[in-house]
Amino acid sequence: MMKLYSAAASPFARKVRVCLIELGIEDQVEMLDAASTPVAPDDMLITQNPLGKIPCLVNEGGEALYDSRVITRYLNDLKDGGLYPSGPKLWEALTLEATADGMMEAAVLMVYEKRVRPEEMVYNVWVEAQWDKVARALNALETGWEGHLDGPLDMAQIAVGVVLEYLDFRHSDRDWRKGRDALAKWQAEFAKRDAMQKTQPHV
């Protein structure tokens, strides 16, 4: 059986868990909780991933794969799924997934800045610069990606759905929906998917 090092609050790990459910193979993976931060990596995790980051998938051959995009591509190929389109649409999907992942990274770094650093060392200018990245990406999603978001399910849509809920989870005071009615409407519908409902963080 495969093993997934994960954490309930991690959007990157949630991406993988949603992927597993959408592919119908969640029962083929053992979930291992790995609480890790940049300054306190999980000992169990770093034996598999020297970077100490989640998610990390150990396949049935004992090989460790890490970075959420690597894992989801592997799982999709393993299942011969359709979460990554073929032809020119692939590059569109990968670009959109990378956009969502960049939003996740910036949003997570905002959390770490205030959670890991001593209060007197928090650099609020840097925090706001991370949010600027998120806001620019949100505007791009609102105005330039509606055709893809309304198309057949793929990992790009999953990544966007996950990051938008992460913003609700960790940065609700930022009100990402303001001025982005189309994106908010899309998110409300996407959140109804069974895989999204089953993987909502509650920590």
N, C-alpha and C. Protein backbone atom coordinates (compact mmCIF):
# COMPACT_ATOMS: atom_id res chain seq x y z
N MET A 1 0.84 -1.20 0.00
CA MET A 1 0.00 0.00 0.00
C MET A 1 0.88 1.26 0.00
N MET A 2 0.47 2.25 -0.75
CA MET A 2 1.18 3.52 -0.75
C MET A 2 0.94 4.25 0.56
N LYS A 3 1.85 5.20 0.88
CA LYS A 3 1.73 5.99 2.10
C LYS A 3 1.85 7.47 1.73
N LEU A 4 0.99 8.28 2.32
CA LEU A 4 1.03 9.72 2.08
C LEU A 4 1.28 10.45 3.39
N TYR A 5 2.42 11.14 3.46
CA TYR A 5 2.71 12.02 4.58
C TYR A 5 1.95 13.32 4.32
N SER A 6 1.11 13.69 5.26
CA SER A 6 0.16 14.77 5.02
C SER A 6 -0.11 15.51 6.31
N ALA A 7 -0.89 16.59 6.19
CA ALA A 7 -1.39 17.34 7.36
C ALA A 7 -2.70 17.97 6.96
N ALA A 8 -3.65 17.95 7.88
CA ALA A 8 -5.01 18.38 7.54
C ALA A 8 -5.07 19.82 7.06
N ALA A 9 -4.21 20.69 7.58
CA ALA A 9 -4.30 22.11 7.24
C ALA A 9 -3.52 22.49 5.99
N SER A 10 -2.69 21.60 5.48
CA SER A 10 -1.85 21.93 4.34
C SER A 10 -2.65 21.93 3.03
N PRO A 11 -2.67 23.05 2.29
CA PRO A 11 -3.38 23.04 1.02
C PRO A 11 -2.71 22.15 -0.02
N PHE A 12 -1.39 22.05 0.04
CA PHE A 12 -0.68 21.19 -0.90
C PHE A 12 -1.05 19.72 -0.67
N ALA A 13 -1.11 19.32 0.60
CA ALA A 13 -1.51 17.95 0.92
C ALA A 13 -2.98 17.73 0.56
N ARG A 14 -3.80 18.74 0.78
CA ARG A 14 -5.22 18.58 0.44
C ARG A 14 -5.40 18.37 -1.05
N LYS A 15 -4.62 19.05 -1.86
CA LYS A 15 -4.66 18.84 -3.31
C LYS A 15 -4.51 17.36 -3.65
N VAL A 16 -3.55 16.72 -2.99
CA VAL A 16 -3.30 15.30 -3.25
C VAL A 16 -4.46 14.45 -2.76
N ARG A 17 -5.00 14.77 -1.61
CA ARG A 17 -6.12 13.99 -1.09
C ARG A 17 -7.35 14.13 -1.98
N VAL A 18 -7.61 15.32 -2.49
CA VAL A 18 -8.72 15.50 -3.43
C VAL A 18 -8.47 14.71 -4.70
N CYS A 19 -7.25 14.73 -5.18
CA CYS A 19 -6.87 13.95 -6.36
C CYS A 19 -7.16 12.47 -6.15
N LEU A 20 -6.76 11.95 -5.00
CA LEU A 20 -6.99 10.53 -4.71
C LEU A 20 -8.48 10.18 -4.76
N ILE A 21 -9.30 11.03 -4.17
CA ILE A 21 -10.74 10.77 -4.15
C ILE A 21 -11.33 10.86 -5.54
N GLU A 22 -10.94 11.88 -6.29
CA GLU A 22 -11.47 12.04 -7.65
C GLU A 22 -11.05 10.87 -8.55
N LEU A 23 -9.89 10.30 -8.30
CA LEU A 23 -9.43 9.15 -9.08
C LEU A 23 -10.00 7.82 -8.56
N GLY A 24 -10.62 7.86 -7.38
CA GLY A 24 -11.21 6.65 -6.81
C GLY A 24 -10.21 5.70 -6.21
N ILE A 25 -9.05 6.21 -5.75
CA ILE A 25 -8.01 5.32 -5.22
C ILE A 25 -7.59 5.71 -3.80
N GLU A 26 -8.44 6.44 -3.09
CA GLU A 26 -8.06 6.85 -1.74
C GLU A 26 -7.86 5.66 -0.81
N ASP A 27 -8.52 4.52 -1.10
CA ASP A 27 -8.38 3.34 -0.25
C ASP A 27 -7.07 2.60 -0.51
N GLN A 28 -6.29 3.05 -1.47
CA GLN A 28 -5.01 2.43 -1.77
C GLN A 28 -3.84 3.15 -1.11
N VAL A 29 -4.15 4.15 -0.28
CA VAL A 29 -3.11 4.97 0.33
C VAL A 29 -3.34 5.08 1.84
N GLU A 30 -2.31 4.80 2.60
CA GLU A 30 -2.34 5.00 4.05
C GLU A 30 -1.94 6.44 4.36
N MET A 31 -2.75 7.13 5.15
CA MET A 31 -2.47 8.52 5.50
C MET A 31 -1.63 8.58 6.78
N LEU A 32 -0.53 9.30 6.72
CA LEU A 32 0.35 9.48 7.86
C LEU A 32 0.43 10.96 8.20
N ASP A 33 0.06 11.32 9.42
CA ASP A 33 0.09 12.71 9.82
C ASP A 33 1.53 13.13 10.09
N ALA A 34 1.94 14.22 9.46
CA ALA A 34 3.30 14.72 9.62
C ALA A 34 3.26 16.22 9.86
N ALA A 35 3.25 16.60 11.12
CA ALA A 35 3.24 18.02 11.47
C ALA A 35 4.64 18.56 11.28
N SER A 36 4.79 19.55 10.39
CA SER A 36 6.12 20.04 10.05
C SER A 36 6.08 21.53 9.78
N THR A 37 7.10 22.24 10.22
CA THR A 37 7.25 23.65 9.88
C THR A 37 8.68 23.86 9.37
N PRO A 38 8.96 25.00 8.73
CA PRO A 38 10.32 25.22 8.23
C PRO A 38 11.40 25.15 9.29
N VAL A 39 11.06 25.47 10.54
CA VAL A 39 12.07 25.44 11.60
C VAL A 39 11.98 24.19 12.46
N ALA A 40 10.97 23.37 12.24
CA ALA A 40 10.81 22.14 13.03
C ALA A 40 10.27 21.03 12.14
N PRO A 41 11.12 20.51 11.23
CA PRO A 41 10.66 19.44 10.35
C PRO A 41 10.37 18.16 11.12
N ASP A 42 9.43 17.40 10.61
CA ASP A 42 9.02 16.14 11.22
C ASP A 42 10.09 15.08 10.96
N ASP A 43 10.60 14.44 12.03
CA ASP A 43 11.68 13.45 11.88
C ASP A 43 11.28 12.30 10.97
N MET A 44 10.03 11.84 11.12
CA MET A 44 9.56 10.74 10.29
C MET A 44 9.53 11.13 8.82
N LEU A 45 9.16 12.37 8.57
CA LEU A 45 9.05 12.84 7.20
C LEU A 45 10.41 12.99 6.53
N ILE A 46 11.40 13.56 7.22
CA ILE A 46 12.67 13.84 6.57
C ILE A 46 13.44 12.58 6.21
N THR A 47 13.06 11.43 6.75
CA THR A 47 13.68 10.19 6.30
C THR A 47 13.26 9.86 4.86
N GLN A 48 12.14 10.41 4.42
CA GLN A 48 11.66 10.18 3.06
C GLN A 48 11.94 11.38 2.15
N ASN A 49 11.79 12.57 2.69
CA ASN A 49 12.00 13.80 1.91
C ASN A 49 13.00 14.67 2.65
N PRO A 50 14.22 14.80 2.15
CA PRO A 50 15.24 15.57 2.86
C PRO A 50 14.87 17.03 3.05
N LEU A 51 13.91 17.54 2.24
CA LEU A 51 13.46 18.92 2.40
C LEU A 51 12.52 19.07 3.59
N GLY A 52 12.00 17.95 4.09
CA GLY A 52 11.12 17.99 5.25
C GLY A 52 9.77 18.62 4.96
N LYS A 53 9.32 18.54 3.71
CA LYS A 53 8.06 19.21 3.32
C LYS A 53 6.99 18.18 2.96
N ILE A 54 5.74 18.57 3.22
CA ILE A 54 4.61 17.75 2.82
C ILE A 54 3.92 18.43 1.64
N PRO A 55 3.23 17.59 0.84
CA PRO A 55 3.01 16.15 0.95
C PRO A 55 4.20 15.36 0.40
N CYS A 56 4.29 14.13 0.86
CA CYS A 56 5.29 13.20 0.36
C CYS A 56 4.61 11.84 0.21
N LEU A 57 4.69 11.26 -0.97
CA LEU A 57 4.07 9.96 -1.24
C LEU A 57 5.15 8.90 -1.36
N VAL A 58 4.98 7.82 -0.64
CA VAL A 58 5.86 6.66 -0.80
C VAL A 58 5.07 5.59 -1.54
N ASN A 59 5.53 5.25 -2.73
CA ASN A 59 4.77 4.30 -3.55
C ASN A 59 5.00 2.87 -3.07
N GLU A 60 4.35 1.94 -3.75
CA GLU A 60 4.41 0.54 -3.30
C GLU A 60 5.81 -0.05 -3.46
N GLY A 61 6.64 0.57 -4.27
CA GLY A 61 8.02 0.12 -4.41
C GLY A 61 8.96 0.76 -3.40
N GLY A 62 8.40 1.58 -2.51
CA GLY A 62 9.21 2.22 -1.48
C GLY A 62 9.89 3.51 -1.93
N GLU A 63 9.56 3.98 -3.13
CA GLU A 63 10.15 5.22 -3.63
C GLU A 63 9.35 6.42 -3.14
N ALA A 64 10.05 7.45 -2.72
CA ALA A 64 9.40 8.66 -2.23
C ALA A 64 9.27 9.68 -3.36
N LEU A 65 8.07 10.23 -3.49
CA LEU A 65 7.83 11.30 -4.44
C LEU A 65 7.34 12.51 -3.67
N TYR A 66 7.87 13.69 -3.99
CA TYR A 66 7.41 14.88 -3.30
C TYR A 66 7.31 16.08 -4.23
N ASP A 67 6.60 17.06 -3.73
CA ASP A 67 6.02 18.19 -4.44
C ASP A 67 4.66 17.72 -4.94
N SER A 68 3.65 18.50 -4.59
CA SER A 68 2.27 18.06 -4.89
C SER A 68 2.05 17.81 -6.37
N ARG A 69 2.66 18.64 -7.24
CA ARG A 69 2.45 18.45 -8.68
C ARG A 69 3.09 17.16 -9.19
N VAL A 70 4.21 16.79 -8.60
CA VAL A 70 4.83 15.50 -8.96
C VAL A 70 3.92 14.35 -8.55
N ILE A 71 3.41 14.44 -7.33
CA ILE A 71 2.56 13.36 -6.79
C ILE A 71 1.28 13.22 -7.60
N THR A 72 0.62 14.34 -7.90
CA THR A 72 -0.67 14.23 -8.61
C THR A 72 -0.47 13.74 -10.04
N ARG A 73 0.62 14.14 -10.68
CA ARG A 73 0.90 13.60 -12.02
C ARG A 73 1.14 12.09 -11.95
N TYR A 74 1.88 11.65 -10.92
CA TYR A 74 2.15 10.23 -10.74
C TYR A 74 0.86 9.45 -10.53
N LEU A 75 0.02 9.95 -9.62
CA LEU A 75 -1.24 9.25 -9.33
C LEU A 75 -2.15 9.21 -10.55
N ASN A 76 -2.21 10.31 -11.28
CA ASN A 76 -3.04 10.35 -12.48
C ASN A 76 -2.56 9.34 -13.51
N ASP A 77 -1.25 9.24 -13.70
CA ASP A 77 -0.71 8.26 -14.64
C ASP A 77 -0.93 6.83 -14.14
N LEU A 78 -0.79 6.65 -12.84
CA LEU A 78 -0.99 5.32 -12.25
C LEU A 78 -2.40 4.81 -12.52
N LYS A 79 -3.35 5.69 -12.41
CA LYS A 79 -4.76 5.34 -12.58
C LYS A 79 -5.20 5.48 -14.03
N ASP A 80 -4.33 6.05 -14.88
CA ASP A 80 -4.71 6.40 -16.25
C ASP A 80 -5.93 7.31 -16.21
N GLY A 81 -5.86 8.29 -15.31
CA GLY A 81 -6.97 9.22 -15.12
C GLY A 81 -6.98 10.33 -16.14
N GLY A 82 -7.92 11.23 -15.98
CA GLY A 82 -8.06 12.33 -16.93
C GLY A 82 -7.87 13.69 -16.30
N LEU A 83 -7.12 13.76 -15.20
CA LEU A 83 -6.96 15.02 -14.50
C LEU A 83 -5.90 15.93 -15.12
N TYR A 84 -5.16 15.41 -16.08
CA TYR A 84 -4.24 16.24 -16.86
C TYR A 84 -4.59 16.04 -18.33
N PRO A 85 -5.07 17.09 -19.00
CA PRO A 85 -5.48 16.93 -20.41
C PRO A 85 -4.29 16.69 -21.32
N SER A 86 -4.55 16.23 -22.51
CA SER A 86 -3.51 16.00 -23.50
C SER A 86 -3.46 17.17 -24.47
N GLY A 87 -2.38 17.23 -25.25
CA GLY A 87 -2.26 18.25 -26.28
C GLY A 87 -2.01 19.63 -25.69
N PRO A 88 -2.33 20.67 -26.44
CA PRO A 88 -2.07 22.06 -26.00
C PRO A 88 -2.76 22.41 -24.69
N LYS A 89 -3.88 21.78 -24.39
CA LYS A 89 -4.59 22.07 -23.15
C LYS A 89 -3.76 21.72 -21.91
N LEU A 90 -2.81 20.79 -22.07
CA LEU A 90 -1.98 20.40 -20.94
C LEU A 90 -1.22 21.60 -20.39
N TRP A 91 -0.63 22.38 -21.30
CA TRP A 91 0.19 23.52 -20.84
C TRP A 91 -0.67 24.58 -20.18
N GLU A 92 -1.87 24.73 -20.65
CA GLU A 92 -2.80 25.65 -20.00
C GLU A 92 -3.12 25.17 -18.59
N ALA A 93 -3.39 23.88 -18.47
CA ALA A 93 -3.72 23.31 -17.15
C ALA A 93 -2.53 23.41 -16.20
N LEU A 94 -1.34 23.11 -16.68
CA LEU A 94 -0.15 23.18 -15.83
C LEU A 94 0.14 24.61 -15.38
N THR A 95 -0.09 25.57 -16.27
CA THR A 95 0.13 26.97 -15.91
C THR A 95 -0.86 27.42 -14.86
N LEU A 96 -2.12 27.03 -15.02
CA LEU A 96 -3.13 27.39 -14.03
C LEU A 96 -2.85 26.71 -12.70
N GLU A 97 -2.44 25.45 -12.74
CA GLU A 97 -2.10 24.75 -11.50
C GLU A 97 -0.92 25.44 -10.81
N ALA A 98 0.08 25.86 -11.60
CA ALA A 98 1.23 26.55 -11.03
C ALA A 98 0.81 27.89 -10.41
N THR A 99 -0.14 28.56 -11.03
CA THR A 99 -0.66 29.81 -10.47
C THR A 99 -1.29 29.56 -9.11
N ALA A 100 -2.14 28.55 -9.03
CA ALA A 100 -2.79 28.21 -7.76
C ALA A 100 -1.76 27.79 -6.72
N ASP A 101 -0.77 27.01 -7.13
CA ASP A 101 0.26 26.58 -6.19
C ASP A 101 1.08 27.77 -5.68
N GLY A 102 1.35 28.74 -6.55
CA GLY A 102 2.05 29.94 -6.11
C GLY A 102 1.25 30.73 -5.10
N MET A 103 -0.07 30.76 -5.30
CA MET A 103 -0.95 31.40 -4.32
C MET A 103 -0.88 30.68 -2.98
N MET A 104 -0.89 29.34 -3.03
CA MET A 104 -0.79 28.56 -1.80
C MET A 104 0.51 28.87 -1.07
N GLU A 105 1.60 28.89 -1.82
CA GLU A 105 2.90 29.15 -1.20
C GLU A 105 2.92 30.51 -0.51
N ALA A 106 2.43 31.54 -1.19
CA ALA A 106 2.42 32.87 -0.60
C ALA A 106 1.52 32.92 0.64
N ALA A 107 0.36 32.29 0.56
CA ALA A 107 -0.58 32.30 1.68
C ALA A 107 -0.03 31.53 2.88
N VAL A 108 0.65 30.42 2.62
CA VAL A 108 1.27 29.65 3.71
C VAL A 108 2.41 30.44 4.34
N LEU A 109 3.21 31.11 3.53
CA LEU A 109 4.32 31.90 4.06
C LEU A 109 3.81 33.03 4.95
N MET A 110 2.67 33.59 4.61
CA MET A 110 2.08 34.61 5.47
C MET A 110 1.76 34.05 6.86
N VAL A 111 1.26 32.82 6.88
CA VAL A 111 0.95 32.17 8.16
C VAL A 111 2.23 31.92 8.94
N TYR A 112 3.25 31.38 8.27
CA TYR A 112 4.51 31.07 8.95
C TYR A 112 5.18 32.32 9.50
N GLU A 113 5.08 33.43 8.76
CA GLU A 113 5.74 34.65 9.21
C GLU A 113 5.25 35.07 10.59
N LYS A 114 3.97 34.89 10.84
CA LYS A 114 3.41 35.31 12.13
C LYS A 114 3.39 34.19 13.16
N ARG A 115 3.47 32.94 12.69
CA ARG A 115 3.39 31.83 13.63
C ARG A 115 4.77 31.38 14.09
N VAL A 116 5.76 31.47 13.23
CA VAL A 116 7.08 30.92 13.53
C VAL A 116 8.03 31.98 14.06
N ARG A 117 7.96 33.18 13.52
CA ARG A 117 8.85 34.25 13.98
C ARG A 117 8.39 34.85 15.30
N PRO A 118 9.31 35.29 16.13
CA PRO A 118 8.92 36.08 17.31
C PRO A 118 8.19 37.34 16.84
N GLU A 119 7.23 37.80 17.63
CA GLU A 119 6.38 38.92 17.23
C GLU A 119 7.18 40.15 16.80
N GLU A 120 8.27 40.44 17.52
CA GLU A 120 9.04 41.64 17.22
C GLU A 120 9.84 41.51 15.92
N MET A 121 9.91 40.31 15.36
CA MET A 121 10.66 40.10 14.12
C MET A 121 9.76 39.96 12.89
N VAL A 122 8.46 39.98 13.09
CA VAL A 122 7.54 39.84 11.96
C VAL A 122 7.70 41.05 11.03
N TYR A 123 7.87 40.79 9.74
CA TYR A 123 8.08 41.85 8.76
C TYR A 123 6.79 42.03 7.96
N ASN A 124 5.99 42.98 8.38
CA ASN A 124 4.67 43.15 7.79
C ASN A 124 4.72 43.59 6.32
N VAL A 125 5.75 44.31 5.94
CA VAL A 125 5.91 44.69 4.53
C VAL A 125 6.02 43.43 3.67
N TRP A 126 6.76 42.46 4.17
CA TRP A 126 6.93 41.19 3.46
C TRP A 126 5.62 40.42 3.41
N VAL A 127 4.87 40.43 4.52
CA VAL A 127 3.57 39.77 4.55
C VAL A 127 2.65 40.36 3.49
N GLU A 128 2.61 41.68 3.41
CA GLU A 128 1.74 42.34 2.43
C GLU A 128 2.21 42.06 1.00
N ALA A 129 3.49 41.92 0.81
CA ALA A 129 4.00 41.58 -0.53
C ALA A 129 3.54 40.19 -0.95
N GLN A 130 3.46 39.27 0.01
CA GLN A 130 2.93 37.94 -0.30
C GLN A 130 1.45 38.03 -0.68
N TRP A 131 0.70 38.85 0.07
CA TRP A 131 -0.71 38.99 -0.27
C TRP A 131 -0.90 39.65 -1.63
N ASP A 132 -0.01 40.56 -1.99
CA ASP A 132 -0.09 41.18 -3.32
C ASP A 132 -0.01 40.12 -4.42
N LYS A 133 0.83 39.12 -4.23
CA LYS A 133 0.92 38.02 -5.20
C LYS A 133 -0.43 37.31 -5.31
N VAL A 134 -1.01 37.02 -4.15
CA VAL A 134 -2.29 36.33 -4.13
C VAL A 134 -3.36 37.17 -4.81
N ALA A 135 -3.39 38.45 -4.50
CA ALA A 135 -4.43 39.34 -5.05
C ALA A 135 -4.30 39.46 -6.57
N ARG A 136 -3.07 39.56 -7.07
CA ARG A 136 -2.88 39.63 -8.52
C ARG A 136 -3.36 38.35 -9.19
N ALA A 137 -3.06 37.23 -8.56
CA ALA A 137 -3.49 35.95 -9.13
C ALA A 137 -5.01 35.82 -9.08
N LEU A 138 -5.63 36.27 -7.99
CA LEU A 138 -7.09 36.25 -7.90
C LEU A 138 -7.71 37.08 -9.02
N ASN A 139 -7.15 38.24 -9.30
CA ASN A 139 -7.67 39.07 -10.38
C ASN A 139 -7.53 38.37 -11.73
N ALA A 140 -6.42 37.67 -11.92
CA ALA A 140 -6.22 36.93 -13.16
C ALA A 140 -7.24 35.80 -13.28
N LEU A 141 -7.52 35.12 -12.19
CA LEU A 141 -8.52 34.05 -12.20
C LEU A 141 -9.91 34.60 -12.53
N GLU A 142 -10.20 35.77 -12.02
CA GLU A 142 -11.50 36.39 -12.23
C GLU A 142 -11.71 36.77 -13.70
N THR A 143 -10.66 37.23 -14.35
CA THR A 143 -10.83 37.82 -15.69
C THR A 143 -10.28 37.00 -16.84
N GLY A 144 -9.38 36.05 -16.55
CA GLY A 144 -8.71 35.39 -17.67
C GLY A 144 -8.80 33.88 -17.75
N TRP A 145 -9.36 33.24 -16.72
CA TRP A 145 -9.33 31.78 -16.69
C TRP A 145 -10.71 31.15 -16.62
N GLU A 146 -11.76 31.95 -16.82
CA GLU A 146 -13.11 31.40 -16.64
C GLU A 146 -13.40 30.26 -17.60
N GLY A 147 -12.85 30.32 -18.81
CA GLY A 147 -13.09 29.25 -19.77
C GLY A 147 -12.54 27.92 -19.29
N HIS A 148 -11.35 27.95 -18.72
CA HIS A 148 -10.76 26.72 -18.22
C HIS A 148 -11.47 26.23 -16.97
N LEU A 149 -11.79 27.14 -16.08
CA LEU A 149 -12.45 26.74 -14.83
C LEU A 149 -13.82 26.12 -15.10
N ASP A 150 -14.46 26.52 -16.16
CA ASP A 150 -15.78 25.97 -16.49
C ASP A 150 -15.71 24.72 -17.37
N GLY A 151 -14.51 24.27 -17.69
CA GLY A 151 -14.34 23.10 -18.55
C GLY A 151 -14.34 21.81 -17.75
N PRO A 152 -13.91 20.71 -18.40
CA PRO A 152 -13.86 19.40 -17.73
C PRO A 152 -12.93 19.43 -16.52
N LEU A 153 -13.26 18.66 -15.50
CA LEU A 153 -12.47 18.63 -14.28
C LEU A 153 -11.02 18.27 -14.58
N ASP A 154 -10.11 19.04 -14.00
CA ASP A 154 -8.69 18.69 -14.07
C ASP A 154 -8.00 19.16 -12.80
N MET A 155 -6.69 18.88 -12.71
CA MET A 155 -5.96 19.22 -11.49
C MET A 155 -5.84 20.73 -11.30
N ALA A 156 -5.87 21.49 -12.38
CA ALA A 156 -5.81 22.94 -12.25
C ALA A 156 -7.03 23.45 -11.49
N GLN A 157 -8.19 22.95 -11.84
CA GLN A 157 -9.41 23.34 -11.13
C GLN A 157 -9.33 22.92 -9.66
N ILE A 158 -8.84 21.72 -9.41
CA ILE A 158 -8.72 21.25 -8.03
C ILE A 158 -7.80 22.17 -7.24
N ALA A 159 -6.66 22.55 -7.83
CA ALA A 159 -5.71 23.42 -7.15
C ALA A 159 -6.35 24.77 -6.84
N VAL A 160 -7.10 25.32 -7.79
CA VAL A 160 -7.76 26.60 -7.56
C VAL A 160 -8.81 26.46 -6.46
N GLY A 161 -9.62 25.41 -6.52
CA GLY A 161 -10.63 25.19 -5.50
C GLY A 161 -10.02 25.07 -4.11
N VAL A 162 -8.89 24.38 -4.03
CA VAL A 162 -8.23 24.20 -2.73
C VAL A 162 -7.66 25.51 -2.20
N VAL A 163 -7.00 26.28 -3.06
CA VAL A 163 -6.38 27.51 -2.56
C VAL A 163 -7.44 28.53 -2.14
N LEU A 164 -8.55 28.58 -2.85
CA LEU A 164 -9.59 29.53 -2.45
C LEU A 164 -10.16 29.19 -1.08
N GLU A 165 -10.33 27.91 -0.80
CA GLU A 165 -10.80 27.52 0.53
C GLU A 165 -9.73 27.73 1.58
N TYR A 166 -8.46 27.61 1.19
CA TYR A 166 -7.38 27.89 2.15
C TYR A 166 -7.39 29.37 2.53
N LEU A 167 -7.68 30.23 1.57
CA LEU A 167 -7.78 31.66 1.89
C LEU A 167 -8.92 31.91 2.88
N ASP A 168 -10.02 31.19 2.73
CA ASP A 168 -11.10 31.29 3.71
C ASP A 168 -10.65 30.77 5.07
N PHE A 169 -9.88 29.72 5.06
CA PHE A 169 -9.47 29.04 6.28
C PHE A 169 -8.46 29.87 7.09
N ARG A 170 -7.47 30.43 6.41
CA ARG A 170 -6.38 31.12 7.11
C ARG A 170 -6.40 32.65 6.96
N HIS A 171 -7.09 33.15 5.94
CA HIS A 171 -7.04 34.59 5.68
C HIS A 171 -8.43 35.14 5.40
N SER A 172 -9.39 34.73 6.19
CA SER A 172 -10.77 35.15 5.94
C SER A 172 -10.94 36.67 6.07
N ASP A 173 -10.08 37.31 6.85
CA ASP A 173 -10.19 38.76 7.02
C ASP A 173 -9.85 39.53 5.75
N ARG A 174 -9.22 38.86 4.79
CA ARG A 174 -8.82 39.52 3.53
C ARG A 174 -9.97 39.61 2.53
N ASP A 175 -11.00 38.82 2.72
CA ASP A 175 -12.20 38.86 1.87
C ASP A 175 -11.86 38.79 0.38
N TRP A 176 -11.32 37.66 -0.05
CA TRP A 176 -10.89 37.53 -1.45
C TRP A 176 -12.05 37.64 -2.44
N ARG A 177 -13.30 37.43 -1.99
CA ARG A 177 -14.45 37.47 -2.90
C ARG A 177 -14.82 38.89 -3.34
N LYS A 178 -14.41 39.89 -2.60
CA LYS A 178 -14.81 41.27 -2.90
C LYS A 178 -14.34 41.67 -4.30
N GLY A 179 -15.29 42.04 -5.15
CA GLY A 179 -14.97 42.46 -6.50
C GLY A 179 -14.68 41.31 -7.46
N ARG A 180 -14.91 40.08 -7.01
CA ARG A 180 -14.61 38.91 -7.85
C ARG A 180 -15.82 37.97 -7.85
N ASP A 181 -16.92 38.48 -8.34
CA ASP A 181 -18.19 37.75 -8.27
C ASP A 181 -18.17 36.45 -9.06
N ALA A 182 -17.56 36.47 -10.23
CA ALA A 182 -17.54 35.26 -11.07
C ALA A 182 -16.74 34.15 -10.40
N LEU A 183 -15.60 34.49 -9.85
CA LEU A 183 -14.76 33.50 -9.17
C LEU A 183 -15.45 32.98 -7.92
N ALA A 184 -16.10 33.87 -7.19
CA ALA A 184 -16.82 33.45 -5.99
C ALA A 184 -17.95 32.49 -6.34
N LYS A 185 -18.64 32.76 -7.42
CA LYS A 185 -19.73 31.87 -7.86
C LYS A 185 -19.18 30.51 -8.25
N TRP A 186 -18.07 30.50 -8.98
CA TRP A 186 -17.45 29.23 -9.38
C TRP A 186 -17.03 28.44 -8.14
N GLN A 187 -16.40 29.10 -7.18
CA GLN A 187 -15.92 28.42 -5.99
C GLN A 187 -17.06 27.80 -5.20
N ALA A 188 -18.17 28.52 -5.10
CA ALA A 188 -19.31 28.01 -4.34
C ALA A 188 -19.83 26.70 -4.92
N GLU A 189 -19.82 26.59 -6.24
CA GLU A 189 -20.27 25.36 -6.88
C GLU A 189 -19.22 24.26 -6.74
N PHE A 190 -17.95 24.60 -6.94
CA PHE A 190 -16.89 23.60 -6.88
C PHE A 190 -16.78 23.01 -5.48
N ALA A 191 -17.05 23.82 -4.47
CA ALA A 191 -16.95 23.36 -3.08
C ALA A 191 -17.95 22.27 -2.75
N LYS A 192 -18.96 22.11 -3.59
CA LYS A 192 -19.98 21.08 -3.35
C LYS A 192 -19.51 19.69 -3.74
N ARG A 193 -18.41 19.60 -4.46
CA ARG A 193 -17.92 18.28 -4.87
C ARG A 193 -17.63 17.43 -3.65
N ASP A 194 -17.90 16.13 -3.76
CA ASP A 194 -17.71 15.21 -2.64
C ASP A 194 -16.28 15.23 -2.14
N ALA A 195 -15.31 15.28 -3.06
CA ALA A 195 -13.90 15.27 -2.66
C ALA A 195 -13.53 16.51 -1.87
N MET A 196 -14.14 17.64 -2.22
CA MET A 196 -13.87 18.87 -1.48
C MET A 196 -14.52 18.82 -0.10
N GLN A 197 -15.72 18.29 -0.03
CA GLN A 197 -16.42 18.19 1.25
C GLN A 197 -15.66 17.27 2.22
N LYS A 198 -15.15 16.16 1.70
CA LYS A 198 -14.48 15.17 2.55
C LYS A 198 -13.14 15.63 3.06
N THR A 199 -12.52 16.62 2.42
CA THR A 199 -11.15 17.00 2.77
C THR A 199 -11.07 18.38 3.43
N GLN A 200 -12.17 18.95 3.82
CA GLN A 200 -12.15 20.27 4.45
C GLN A 200 -11.34 20.23 5.74
N PRO A 201 -10.42 21.19 5.92
CA PRO A 201 -9.63 21.22 7.17
C PRO A 201 -10.49 21.67 8.34
N HIS A 202 -10.27 21.04 9.47
CA HIS A 202 -11.03 21.39 10.68
C HIS A 202 -10.06 21.48 11.85
N VAL A 203 -8.98 22.24 11.65
CA VAL A 203 -8.00 22.37 12.74
C VAL A 203 -7.71 23.84 12.98
